[in-house]
Amino acid sequence: MRNTVLNYLLLPLFAGLSFSLSAAPGAAVVPLEPIPVVSQAQAPVQRLNVNTADALTMQKELNGIGKAKAEAIVAYREANGPFATVDELLEIKGIGSALLERNRDRVMVE
């Protein structure tokens, strides 16, 4: 009986001690010198002239413009002449105001 009581008292004591030793915080790792933050200067945005660009260039440079829409822009330009304003792109099927606004700072008309 004495051994049983002793086991019930000492076992949790030793188990708790081993958990507290393994959970003890270690030495904090401090970097020797601060890491510099490198800022990248933004290059000026190159604007794409929709009157002279080919379909492949438009497809690469413009967001949301795939092969079909780029070819539609070129076909519209060949059928109706050069664009007078950027807003004329809205006449092309598949190009809405949201797509135009997303690319407005990337396109120009000369």
PDB file of N, CA and C in Angstrom:
ATOM      1  N   MET A   1       0.821  -1.181   0.000  1.00  0.00           N
ATOM      2  CA  MET A   1       0.000   0.000   0.000  1.00  0.00           C
ATOM      3  C   MET A   1       0.867   1.247   0.000  1.00  0.00           C
ATOM      4  N   ARG A   2       1.944   1.183   0.806  1.00  0.00           N
ATOM      5  CA  ARG A   2       2.836   2.317   0.878  1.00  0.00           C
ATOM      6  C   ARG A   2       3.511   2.582  -0.477  1.00  0.00           C
ATOM      7  N   ASN A   3       3.857   1.519  -1.164  1.00  0.00           N
ATOM      8  CA  ASN A   3       4.483   1.677  -2.488  1.00  0.00           C
ATOM      9  C   ASN A   3       3.510   2.273  -3.484  1.00  0.00           C
ATOM     10  N   THR A   4       2.248   1.903  -3.404  1.00  0.00           N
ATOM     11  CA  THR A   4       1.242   2.427  -4.321  1.00  0.00           C
ATOM     12  C   THR A   4       1.034   3.914  -4.092  1.00  0.00           C
ATOM     13  N   VAL A   5       0.936   4.334  -2.836  1.00  0.00           N
ATOM     14  CA  VAL A   5       0.762   5.751  -2.530  1.00  0.00           C
ATOM     15  C   VAL A   5       1.995   6.519  -2.971  1.00  0.00           C
ATOM     16  N   LEU A   6       3.156   5.953  -2.716  1.00  0.00           N
ATOM     17  CA  LEU A   6       4.402   6.603  -3.110  1.00  0.00           C
ATOM     18  C   LEU A   6       4.484   6.741  -4.639  1.00  0.00           C
ATOM     19  N   ASN A   7       4.050   5.721  -5.360  1.00  0.00           N
ATOM     20  CA  ASN A   7       4.049   5.792  -6.833  1.00  0.00           C
ATOM     21  C   ASN A   7       3.087   6.867  -7.333  1.00  0.00           C
ATOM     22  N   TYR A   8       1.901   6.960  -6.719  1.00  0.00           N
ATOM     23  CA  TYR A   8       0.928   7.969  -7.130  1.00  0.00           C
ATOM     24  C   TYR A   8       1.419   9.387  -6.854  1.00  0.00           C
ATOM     25  N   LEU A   9       2.258   9.569  -5.856  1.00  0.00           N
ATOM     26  CA  LEU A   9       2.751  10.897  -5.520  1.00  0.00           C
ATOM     27  C   LEU A   9       4.003  11.266  -6.304  1.00  0.00           C
ATOM     28  N   LEU A  10       4.905  10.321  -6.470  1.00  0.00           N
ATOM     29  CA  LEU A  10       6.186  10.638  -7.108  1.00  0.00           C
ATOM     30  C   LEU A  10       6.131  10.601  -8.639  1.00  0.00           C
ATOM     31  N   LEU A  11       5.316   9.738  -9.185  1.00  0.00           N
ATOM     32  CA  LEU A  11       5.243   9.635 -10.644  1.00  0.00           C
ATOM     33  C   LEU A  11       4.805  10.955 -11.285  1.00  0.00           C
ATOM     34  N   PRO A  12       3.731  11.596 -10.828  1.00  0.00           N
ATOM     35  CA  PRO A  12       3.378  12.891 -11.430  1.00  0.00           C
ATOM     36  C   PRO A  12       4.436  13.961 -11.204  1.00  0.00           C
ATOM     37  N   LEU A  13       5.131  13.895 -10.087  1.00  0.00           N
ATOM     38  CA  LEU A  13       6.173  14.872  -9.802  1.00  0.00           C
ATOM     39  C   LEU A  13       7.303  14.761 -10.821  1.00  0.00           C
ATOM     40  N   PHE A  14       7.769  13.532 -11.073  1.00  0.00           N
ATOM     41  CA  PHE A  14       8.862  13.345 -12.020  1.00  0.00           C
ATOM     42  C   PHE A  14       8.404  13.590 -13.464  1.00  0.00           C
ATOM     43  N   ALA A  15       7.192  13.209 -13.777  1.00  0.00           N
ATOM     44  CA  ALA A  15       6.680  13.444 -15.126  1.00  0.00           C
ATOM     45  C   ALA A  15       6.553  14.947 -15.389  1.00  0.00           C
ATOM     46  N   GLY A  16       6.031  15.681 -14.415  1.00  0.00           N
ATOM     47  CA  GLY A  16       5.906  17.130 -14.563  1.00  0.00           C
ATOM     48  C   GLY A  16       7.253  17.807 -14.680  1.00  0.00           C
ATOM     49  N   LEU A  17       8.235  17.301 -13.969  1.00  0.00           N
ATOM     50  CA  LEU A  17       9.578  17.864 -14.018  1.00  0.00           C
ATOM     51  C   LEU A  17      10.195  17.661 -15.396  1.00  0.00           C
ATOM     52  N   SER A  18      10.003  16.489 -15.990  1.00  0.00           N
ATOM     53  CA  SER A  18      10.592  16.240 -17.305  1.00  0.00           C
ATOM     54  C   SER A  18       9.920  17.108 -18.376  1.00  0.00           C
ATOM     55  N   PHE A  19       8.588  17.330 -18.245  1.00  0.00           N
ATOM     56  CA  PHE A  19       7.911  18.194 -19.209  1.00  0.00           C
ATOM     57  C   PHE A  19       8.367  19.635 -19.072  1.00  0.00           C
ATOM     58  N   SER A  20       8.569  20.088 -17.861  1.00  0.00           N
ATOM     59  CA  SER A  20       8.982  21.471 -17.679  1.00  0.00           C
ATOM     60  C   SER A  20      10.411  21.687 -18.162  1.00  0.00           C
ATOM     61  N   LEU A  21      11.263  20.685 -18.044  1.00  0.00           N
ATOM     62  CA  LEU A  21      12.630  20.829 -18.543  1.00  0.00           C
ATOM     63  C   LEU A  21      12.667  20.843 -20.066  1.00  0.00           C
ATOM     64  N   SER A  22      11.829  20.026 -20.700  1.00  0.00           N
ATOM     65  CA  SER A  22      11.841  20.003 -22.162  1.00  0.00           C
ATOM     66  C   SER A  22      11.158  21.231 -22.742  1.00  0.00           C
ATOM     67  N   ALA A  23      10.290  21.885 -21.990  1.00  0.00           N
ATOM     68  CA  ALA A  23       9.584  23.059 -22.479  1.00  0.00           C
ATOM     69  C   ALA A  23      10.271  24.350 -22.078  1.00  0.00           C
ATOM     70  N   ALA A  24      11.421  24.258 -21.441  1.00  0.00           N
ATOM     71  CA  ALA A  24      12.137  25.462 -21.012  1.00  0.00           C
ATOM     72  C   ALA A  24      12.599  26.227 -22.241  1.00  0.00           C
ATOM     73  N   PRO A  25      12.502  27.544 -22.206  1.00  0.00           N
ATOM     74  CA  PRO A  25      12.928  28.329 -23.378  1.00  0.00           C
ATOM     75  C   PRO A  25      14.435  28.245 -23.571  1.00  0.00           C
ATOM     76  N   GLY A  26      14.832  28.156 -24.808  1.00  0.00           N
ATOM     77  CA  GLY A  26      16.244  28.109 -25.136  1.00  0.00           C
ATOM     78  C   GLY A  26      16.792  29.512 -25.323  1.00  0.00           C
ATOM     79  N   ALA A  27      18.036  29.592 -25.688  1.00  0.00           N
ATOM     80  CA  ALA A  27      18.661  30.886 -25.922  1.00  0.00           C
ATOM     81  C   ALA A  27      18.099  31.479 -27.211  1.00  0.00           C
ATOM     82  N   ALA A  28      17.709  32.724 -27.154  1.00  0.00           N
ATOM     83  CA  ALA A  28      17.152  33.403 -28.318  1.00  0.00           C
ATOM     84  C   ALA A  28      18.260  33.690 -29.317  1.00  0.00           C
ATOM     85  N   VAL A  29      17.972  33.460 -30.584  1.00  0.00           N
ATOM     86  CA  VAL A  29      18.937  33.724 -31.641  1.00  0.00           C
ATOM     87  C   VAL A  29      18.741  35.160 -32.090  1.00  0.00           C
ATOM     88  N   VAL A  30      19.775  35.960 -31.938  1.00  0.00           N
ATOM     89  CA  VAL A  30      19.715  37.365 -32.306  1.00  0.00           C
ATOM     90  C   VAL A  30      20.646  37.569 -33.505  1.00  0.00           C
ATOM     91  N   PRO A  31      20.143  38.162 -34.579  1.00  0.00           N
ATOM     92  CA  PRO A  31      21.034  38.407 -35.721  1.00  0.00           C
ATOM     93  C   PRO A  31      22.124  39.403 -35.338  1.00  0.00           C
ATOM     94  N   LEU A  32      23.292  39.209 -35.918  1.00  0.00           N
ATOM     95  CA  LEU A  32      24.421  40.068 -35.600  1.00  0.00           C
ATOM     96  C   LEU A  32      24.235  41.485 -36.107  1.00  0.00           C
ATOM     97  N   GLU A  33      23.686  41.625 -37.282  1.00  0.00           N
ATOM     98  CA  GLU A  33      23.457  42.961 -37.825  1.00  0.00           C
ATOM     99  C   GLU A  33      22.093  42.988 -38.498  1.00  0.00           C
ATOM    100  N   PRO A  34      21.447  44.131 -38.518  1.00  0.00           N
ATOM    101  CA  PRO A  34      20.117  44.191 -39.120  1.00  0.00           C
ATOM    102  C   PRO A  34      20.170  43.935 -40.619  1.00  0.00           C
ATOM    103  N   ILE A  35      19.115  43.358 -41.118  1.00  0.00           N
ATOM    104  CA  ILE A  35      19.021  43.061 -42.543  1.00  0.00           C
ATOM    105  C   ILE A  35      18.470  44.296 -43.246  1.00  0.00           C
ATOM    106  N   PRO A  36      19.200  44.840 -44.214  1.00  0.00           N
ATOM    107  CA  PRO A  36      18.724  46.050 -44.885  1.00  0.00           C
ATOM    108  C   PRO A  36      17.550  45.744 -45.801  1.00  0.00           C
ATOM    109  N   VAL A  37      16.644  46.684 -45.878  1.00  0.00           N
ATOM    110  CA  VAL A  37      15.500  46.570 -46.774  1.00  0.00           C
ATOM    111  C   VAL A  37      15.878  47.254 -48.079  1.00  0.00           C
ATOM    112  N   VAL A  38      15.790  46.499 -49.144  1.00  0.00           N
ATOM    113  CA  VAL A  38      16.155  47.021 -50.458  1.00  0.00           C
ATOM    114  C   VAL A  38      14.883  47.452 -51.170  1.00  0.00           C
ATOM    115  N   SER A  39      14.814  48.712 -51.498  1.00  0.00           N
ATOM    116  CA  SER A  39      13.658  49.202 -52.241  1.00  0.00           C
ATOM    117  C   SER A  39      14.021  49.271 -53.718  1.00  0.00           C
ATOM    118  N   GLN A  40      13.091  48.805 -54.516  1.00  0.00           N
ATOM    119  CA  GLN A  40      13.324  48.820 -55.953  1.00  0.00           C
ATOM    120  C   GLN A  40      12.619  50.028 -56.543  1.00  0.00           C
ATOM    121  N   ALA A  41      13.358  50.810 -57.271  1.00  0.00           N
ATOM    122  CA  ALA A  41      12.762  51.967 -57.929  1.00  0.00           C
ATOM    123  C   ALA A  41      11.912  51.457 -59.090  1.00  0.00           C
ATOM    124  N   GLN A  42      10.709  51.943 -59.164  1.00  0.00           N
ATOM    125  CA  GLN A  42       9.833  51.497 -60.232  1.00  0.00           C
ATOM    126  C   GLN A  42      10.184  52.217 -61.522  1.00  0.00           C
ATOM    127  N   ALA A  43      10.344  51.409 -62.537  1.00  0.00           N
ATOM    128  CA  ALA A  43      10.638  51.971 -63.849  1.00  0.00           C
ATOM    129  C   ALA A  43       9.357  52.584 -64.407  1.00  0.00           C
ATOM    130  N   PRO A  44       9.479  53.631 -65.186  1.00  0.00           N
ATOM    131  CA  PRO A  44       8.274  54.208 -65.774  1.00  0.00           C
ATOM    132  C   PRO A  44       7.575  53.172 -66.650  1.00  0.00           C
ATOM    133  N   VAL A  45       6.260  53.186 -66.600  1.00  0.00           N
ATOM    134  CA  VAL A  45       5.476  52.213 -67.345  1.00  0.00           C
ATOM    135  C   VAL A  45       5.560  52.530 -68.834  1.00  0.00           C
ATOM    136  N   GLN A  46       5.964  51.537 -69.603  1.00  0.00           N
ATOM    137  CA  GLN A  46       6.012  51.691 -71.059  1.00  0.00           C
ATOM    138  C   GLN A  46       4.589  51.539 -71.578  1.00  0.00           C
ATOM    139  N   ARG A  47       4.128  52.515 -72.293  1.00  0.00           N
ATOM    140  CA  ARG A  47       2.779  52.451 -72.851  1.00  0.00           C
ATOM    141  C   ARG A  47       2.829  51.808 -74.229  1.00  0.00           C
ATOM    142  N   LEU A  48       1.817  51.039 -74.500  1.00  0.00           N
ATOM    143  CA  LEU A  48       1.719  50.300 -75.750  1.00  0.00           C
ATOM    144  C   LEU A  48       0.791  51.046 -76.696  1.00  0.00           C
ATOM    145  N   ASN A  49       1.280  51.365 -77.873  1.00  0.00           N
ATOM    146  CA  ASN A  49       0.465  52.052 -78.875  1.00  0.00           C
ATOM    147  C   ASN A  49      -0.396  51.009 -79.580  1.00  0.00           C
ATOM    148  N   VAL A  50      -1.714  51.074 -79.368  1.00  0.00           N
ATOM    149  CA  VAL A  50      -2.605  50.073 -79.960  1.00  0.00           C
ATOM    150  C   VAL A  50      -2.744  50.232 -81.469  1.00  0.00           C
ATOM    151  N   ASN A  51      -2.281  51.342 -82.027  1.00  0.00           N
ATOM    152  CA  ASN A  51      -2.343  51.529 -83.478  1.00  0.00           C
ATOM    153  C   ASN A  51      -1.177  50.872 -84.197  1.00  0.00           C
ATOM    154  N   THR A  52      -0.106  50.568 -83.480  1.00  0.00           N
ATOM    155  CA  THR A  52       1.062  49.988 -84.149  1.00  0.00           C
ATOM    156  C   THR A  52       1.448  48.611 -83.606  1.00  0.00           C
ATOM    157  N   ALA A  53       0.953  48.229 -82.430  1.00  0.00           N
ATOM    158  CA  ALA A  53       1.351  46.960 -81.812  1.00  0.00           C
ATOM    159  C   ALA A  53       0.703  45.787 -82.522  1.00  0.00           C
ATOM    160  N   ASP A  54       1.437  44.684 -82.607  1.00  0.00           N
ATOM    161  CA  ASP A  54       0.865  43.480 -83.186  1.00  0.00           C
ATOM    162  C   ASP A  54       0.140  42.671 -82.106  1.00  0.00           C
ATOM    163  N   ALA A  55      -0.560  41.644 -82.520  1.00  0.00           N
ATOM    164  CA  ALA A  55      -1.400  40.862 -81.608  1.00  0.00           C
ATOM    165  C   ALA A  55      -0.573  40.173 -80.524  1.00  0.00           C
ATOM    166  N   LEU A  56       0.575  39.657 -80.866  1.00  0.00           N
ATOM    167  CA  LEU A  56       1.411  38.953 -79.893  1.00  0.00           C
ATOM    168  C   LEU A  56       1.910  39.898 -78.797  1.00  0.00           C
ATOM    169  N   THR A  57       2.293  41.114 -79.180  1.00  0.00           N
ATOM    170  CA  THR A  57       2.751  42.097 -78.203  1.00  0.00           C
ATOM    171  C   THR A  57       1.617  42.504 -77.276  1.00  0.00           C
ATOM    172  N   MET A  58       0.436  42.729 -77.818  1.00  0.00           N
ATOM    173  CA  MET A  58      -0.713  43.086 -76.976  1.00  0.00           C
ATOM    174  C   MET A  58      -1.048  41.968 -76.007  1.00  0.00           C
ATOM    175  N   GLN A  59      -0.966  40.747 -76.486  1.00  0.00           N
ATOM    176  CA  GLN A  59      -1.263  39.588 -75.658  1.00  0.00           C
ATOM    177  C   GLN A  59      -0.292  39.501 -74.480  1.00  0.00           C
ATOM    178  N   LYS A  60       0.969  39.805 -74.709  1.00  0.00           N
ATOM    179  CA  LYS A  60       1.983  39.721 -73.650  1.00  0.00           C
ATOM    180  C   LYS A  60       1.900  40.882 -72.672  1.00  0.00           C
ATOM    181  N   GLU A  61       1.650  42.077 -73.150  1.00  0.00           N
ATOM    182  CA  GLU A  61       1.777  43.279 -72.339  1.00  0.00           C
ATOM    183  C   GLU A  61       0.507  43.692 -71.595  1.00  0.00           C
ATOM    184  N   LEU A  62      -0.656  43.271 -72.042  1.00  0.00           N
ATOM    185  CA  LEU A  62      -1.903  43.741 -71.455  1.00  0.00           C
ATOM    186  C   LEU A  62      -2.558  42.661 -70.602  1.00  0.00           C
ATOM    187  N   ASN A  63      -3.124  43.066 -69.482  1.00  0.00           N
ATOM    188  CA  ASN A  63      -3.812  42.139 -68.581  1.00  0.00           C
ATOM    189  C   ASN A  63      -5.179  41.781 -69.142  1.00  0.00           C
ATOM    190  N   GLY A  64      -5.488  40.495 -69.147  1.00  0.00           N
ATOM    191  CA  GLY A  64      -6.804  40.052 -69.578  1.00  0.00           C
ATOM    192  C   GLY A  64      -6.986  39.994 -71.077  1.00  0.00           C
ATOM    193  N   ILE A  65      -5.940  40.258 -71.833  1.00  0.00           N
ATOM    194  CA  ILE A  65      -6.011  40.205 -73.292  1.00  0.00           C
ATOM    195  C   ILE A  65      -5.304  38.942 -73.740  1.00  0.00           C
ATOM    196  N   GLY A  66      -6.090  38.022 -74.252  1.00  0.00           N
ATOM    197  CA  GLY A  66      -5.544  36.781 -74.778  1.00  0.00           C
ATOM    198  C   GLY A  66      -5.376  36.864 -76.276  1.00  0.00           C
ATOM    199  N   LYS A  67      -5.157  35.705 -76.860  1.00  0.00           N
ATOM    200  CA  LYS A  67      -4.917  35.651 -78.298  1.00  0.00           C
ATOM    201  C   LYS A  67      -6.121  36.151 -79.095  1.00  0.00           C
ATOM    202  N   ALA A  68      -7.320  35.719 -78.719  1.00  0.00           N
ATOM    203  CA  ALA A  68      -8.526  36.075 -79.484  1.00  0.00           C
ATOM    204  C   ALA A  68      -8.810  37.575 -79.410  1.00  0.00           C
ATOM    205  N   LYS A  69      -8.697  38.172 -78.219  1.00  0.00           N
ATOM    206  CA  LYS A  69      -8.977  39.604 -78.084  1.00  0.00           C
ATOM    207  C   LYS A  69      -7.905  40.445 -78.766  1.00  0.00           C
ATOM    208  N   ALA A  70      -6.659  40.006 -78.683  1.00  0.00           N
ATOM    209  CA  ALA A  70      -5.589  40.741 -79.358  1.00  0.00           C
ATOM    210  C   ALA A  70      -5.792  40.712 -80.871  1.00  0.00           C
ATOM    211  N   GLU A  71      -6.182  39.571 -81.399  1.00  0.00           N
ATOM    212  CA  GLU A  71      -6.443  39.478 -82.835  1.00  0.00           C
ATOM    213  C   GLU A  71      -7.677  40.288 -83.227  1.00  0.00           C
ATOM    214  N   ALA A  72      -8.658  40.372 -82.314  1.00  0.00           N
ATOM    215  CA  ALA A  72      -9.847  41.183 -82.586  1.00  0.00           C
ATOM    216  C   ALA A  72      -9.495  42.665 -82.630  1.00  0.00           C
ATOM    217  N   ILE A  73      -8.578  43.103 -81.793  1.00  0.00           N
ATOM    218  CA  ILE A  73      -8.138  44.505 -81.811  1.00  0.00           C
ATOM    219  C   ILE A  73      -7.460  44.824 -83.133  1.00  0.00           C
ATOM    220  N   VAL A  74      -6.574  43.926 -83.566  1.00  0.00           N
ATOM    221  CA  VAL A  74      -5.867  44.142 -84.834  1.00  0.00           C
ATOM    222  C   VAL A  74      -6.860  44.117 -86.005  1.00  0.00           C
ATOM    223  N   ALA A  75      -7.820  43.202 -85.989  1.00  0.00           N
ATOM    224  CA  ALA A  75      -8.805  43.119 -87.071  1.00  0.00           C
ATOM    225  C   ALA A  75      -9.682  44.371 -87.107  1.00  0.00           C
ATOM    226  N   TYR A  76     -10.082  44.878 -85.952  1.00  0.00           N
ATOM    227  CA  TYR A  76     -10.880  46.106 -85.880  1.00  0.00           C
ATOM    228  C   TYR A  76     -10.075  47.283 -86.435  1.00  0.00           C
ATOM    229  N   ARG A  77      -8.803  47.342 -86.075  1.00  0.00           N
ATOM    230  CA  ARG A  77      -7.933  48.429 -86.550  1.00  0.00           C
ATOM    231  C   ARG A  77      -7.765  48.376 -88.061  1.00  0.00           C
ATOM    232  N   GLU A  78      -7.621  47.164 -88.608  1.00  0.00           N
ATOM    233  CA  GLU A  78      -7.457  47.035 -90.061  1.00  0.00           C
ATOM    234  C   GLU A  78      -8.755  47.358 -90.803  1.00  0.00           C
ATOM    235  N   ALA A  79      -9.885  47.039 -90.198  1.00  0.00           N
ATOM    236  CA  ALA A  79     -11.172  47.282 -90.853  1.00  0.00           C
ATOM    237  C   ALA A  79     -11.622  48.736 -90.750  1.00  0.00           C
ATOM    238  N   ASN A  80     -11.342  49.393 -89.616  1.00  0.00           N
ATOM    239  CA  ASN A  80     -11.870  50.742 -89.365  1.00  0.00           C
ATOM    240  C   ASN A  80     -10.807  51.833 -89.332  1.00  0.00           C
ATOM    241  N   GLY A  81      -9.580  51.489 -89.538  1.00  0.00           N
ATOM    242  CA  GLY A  81      -8.514  52.483 -89.476  1.00  0.00           C
ATOM    243  C   GLY A  81      -7.976  52.622 -88.053  1.00  0.00           C
ATOM    244  N   PRO A  82      -7.004  53.477 -87.889  1.00  0.00           N
ATOM    245  CA  PRO A  82      -6.379  53.611 -86.568  1.00  0.00           C
ATOM    246  C   PRO A  82      -7.358  54.155 -85.527  1.00  0.00           C
ATOM    247  N   PHE A  83      -7.098  53.782 -84.275  1.00  0.00           N
ATOM    248  CA  PHE A  83      -7.932  54.252 -83.165  1.00  0.00           C
ATOM    249  C   PHE A  83      -7.688  55.740 -82.935  1.00  0.00           C
ATOM    250  N   ALA A  84      -8.745  56.489 -82.695  1.00  0.00           N
ATOM    251  CA  ALA A  84      -8.619  57.915 -82.384  1.00  0.00           C
ATOM    252  C   ALA A  84      -8.432  58.121 -80.888  1.00  0.00           C
ATOM    253  N   THR A  85      -9.092  57.295 -80.080  1.00  0.00           N
ATOM    254  CA  THR A  85      -8.960  57.371 -78.624  1.00  0.00           C
ATOM    255  C   THR A  85      -8.863  55.960 -78.063  1.00  0.00           C
ATOM    256  N   VAL A  86      -8.399  55.874 -76.843  1.00  0.00           N
ATOM    257  CA  VAL A  86      -8.306  54.582 -76.167  1.00  0.00           C
ATOM    258  C   VAL A  86      -9.705  54.027 -75.910  1.00  0.00           C
ATOM    259  N   ASP A  87     -10.669  54.905 -75.707  1.00  0.00           N
ATOM    260  CA  ASP A  87     -12.037  54.467 -75.423  1.00  0.00           C
ATOM    261  C   ASP A  87     -12.687  53.735 -76.596  1.00  0.00           C
ATOM    262  N   GLU A  88     -12.116  53.857 -77.775  1.00  0.00           N
ATOM    263  CA  GLU A  88     -12.640  53.137 -78.939  1.00  0.00           C
ATOM    264  C   GLU A  88     -12.480  51.631 -78.797  1.00  0.00           C
ATOM    265  N   LEU A  89     -11.619  51.209 -77.886  1.00  0.00           N
ATOM    266  CA  LEU A  89     -11.446  49.774 -77.652  1.00  0.00           C
ATOM    267  C   LEU A  89     -12.728  49.137 -77.122  1.00  0.00           C
ATOM    268  N   LEU A  90     -13.610  49.945 -76.547  1.00  0.00           N
ATOM    269  CA  LEU A  90     -14.876  49.428 -76.030  1.00  0.00           C
ATOM    270  C   LEU A  90     -15.783  48.909 -77.146  1.00  0.00           C
ATOM    271  N   GLU A  91     -15.513  49.307 -78.390  1.00  0.00           N
ATOM    272  CA  GLU A  91     -16.306  48.862 -79.523  1.00  0.00           C
ATOM    273  C   GLU A  91     -16.034  47.399 -79.872  1.00  0.00           C
ATOM    274  N   ILE A  92     -14.925  46.872 -79.382  1.00  0.00           N
ATOM    275  CA  ILE A  92     -14.530  45.502 -79.713  1.00  0.00           C
ATOM    276  C   ILE A  92     -15.252  44.538 -78.782  1.00  0.00           C
ATOM    277  N   LYS A  93     -15.817  43.476 -79.357  1.00  0.00           N
ATOM    278  CA  LYS A  93     -16.544  42.483 -78.573  1.00  0.00           C
ATOM    279  C   LYS A  93     -15.578  41.799 -77.601  1.00  0.00           C
ATOM    280  N   GLY A  94     -15.984  41.731 -76.340  1.00  0.00           N
ATOM    281  CA  GLY A  94     -15.166  41.083 -75.316  1.00  0.00           C
ATOM    282  C   GLY A  94     -14.353  42.051 -74.492  1.00  0.00           C
ATOM    283  N   ILE A  95     -14.292  43.315 -74.897  1.00  0.00           N
ATOM    284  CA  ILE A  95     -13.568  44.319 -74.120  1.00  0.00           C
ATOM    285  C   ILE A  95     -14.597  45.241 -73.490  1.00  0.00           C
ATOM    286  N   GLY A  96     -14.670  45.174 -72.171  1.00  0.00           N
ATOM    287  CA  GLY A  96     -15.612  46.005 -71.435  1.00  0.00           C
ATOM    288  C   GLY A  96     -14.877  47.101 -70.690  1.00  0.00           C
ATOM    289  N   SER A  97     -15.637  47.877 -69.954  1.00  0.00           N
ATOM    290  CA  SER A  97     -15.041  49.009 -69.245  1.00  0.00           C
ATOM    291  C   SER A  97     -14.077  48.559 -68.148  1.00  0.00           C
ATOM    292  N   ALA A  98     -14.365  47.433 -67.489  1.00  0.00           N
ATOM    293  CA  ALA A  98     -13.463  46.945 -66.436  1.00  0.00           C
ATOM    294  C   ALA A  98     -12.108  46.554 -67.022  1.00  0.00           C
ATOM    295  N   LEU A  99     -12.116  45.873 -68.138  1.00  0.00           N
ATOM    296  CA  LEU A  99     -10.873  45.466 -68.795  1.00  0.00           C
ATOM    297  C   LEU A  99     -10.107  46.678 -69.312  1.00  0.00           C
ATOM    298  N   LEU A 100     -10.822  47.646 -69.839  1.00  0.00           N
ATOM    299  CA  LEU A 100     -10.180  48.863 -70.326  1.00  0.00           C
ATOM    300  C   LEU A 100      -9.543  49.641 -69.175  1.00  0.00           C
ATOM    301  N   GLU A 101     -10.255  49.769 -68.067  1.00  0.00           N
ATOM    302  CA  GLU A 101      -9.707  50.505 -66.915  1.00  0.00           C
ATOM    303  C   GLU A 101      -8.490  49.797 -66.332  1.00  0.00           C
ATOM    304  N   ARG A 102      -8.479  48.475 -66.360  1.00  0.00           N
ATOM    305  CA  ARG A 102      -7.332  47.713 -65.861  1.00  0.00           C
ATOM    306  C   ARG A 102      -6.084  47.977 -66.691  1.00  0.00           C
ATOM    307  N   ASN A 103      -6.263  48.297 -67.972  1.00  0.00           N
ATOM    308  CA  ASN A 103      -5.129  48.494 -68.877  1.00  0.00           C
ATOM    309  C   ASN A 103      -4.960  49.936 -69.340  1.00  0.00           C
ATOM    310  N   ARG A 104      -5.759  50.859 -68.825  1.00  0.00           N
ATOM    311  CA  ARG A 104      -5.716  52.246 -69.311  1.00  0.00           C
ATOM    312  C   ARG A 104      -4.327  52.872 -69.182  1.00  0.00           C
ATOM    313  N   ASP A 105      -3.616  52.571 -68.111  1.00  0.00           N
ATOM    314  CA  ASP A 105      -2.296  53.176 -67.929  1.00  0.00           C
ATOM    315  C   ASP A 105      -1.223  52.474 -68.769  1.00  0.00           C
ATOM    316  N   ARG A 106      -1.584  51.421 -69.479  1.00  0.00           N
ATOM    317  CA  ARG A 106      -0.615  50.692 -70.296  1.00  0.00           C
ATOM    318  C   ARG A 106      -0.797  50.920 -71.786  1.00  0.00           C
ATOM    319  N   VAL A 107      -1.883  51.532 -72.190  1.00  0.00           N
ATOM    320  CA  VAL A 107      -2.138  51.733 -73.618  1.00  0.00           C
ATOM    321  C   VAL A 107      -2.187  53.208 -73.957  1.00  0.00           C
ATOM    322  N   MET A 108      -1.902  53.495 -75.226  1.00  0.00           N
ATOM    323  CA  MET A 108      -1.990  54.861 -75.732  1.00  0.00           C
ATOM    324  C   MET A 108      -2.331  54.816 -77.197  1.00  0.00           C
ATOM    325  N   VAL A 109      -2.717  55.961 -77.718  1.00  0.00           N
ATOM    326  CA  VAL A 109      -3.063  56.093 -79.133  1.00  0.00           C
ATOM    327  C   VAL A 109      -2.283  57.256 -79.680  1.00  0.00           C
ATOM    328  N   GLU A 110      -1.575  57.020 -80.766  1.00  0.00           N
ATOM    329  CA  GLU A 110      -0.839  58.121 -81.440  1.00  0.00           C
ATOM    330  C   GLU A 110      -1.294  58.216 -82.878  1.00  0.00           C
TER     331      GLU A 110
END
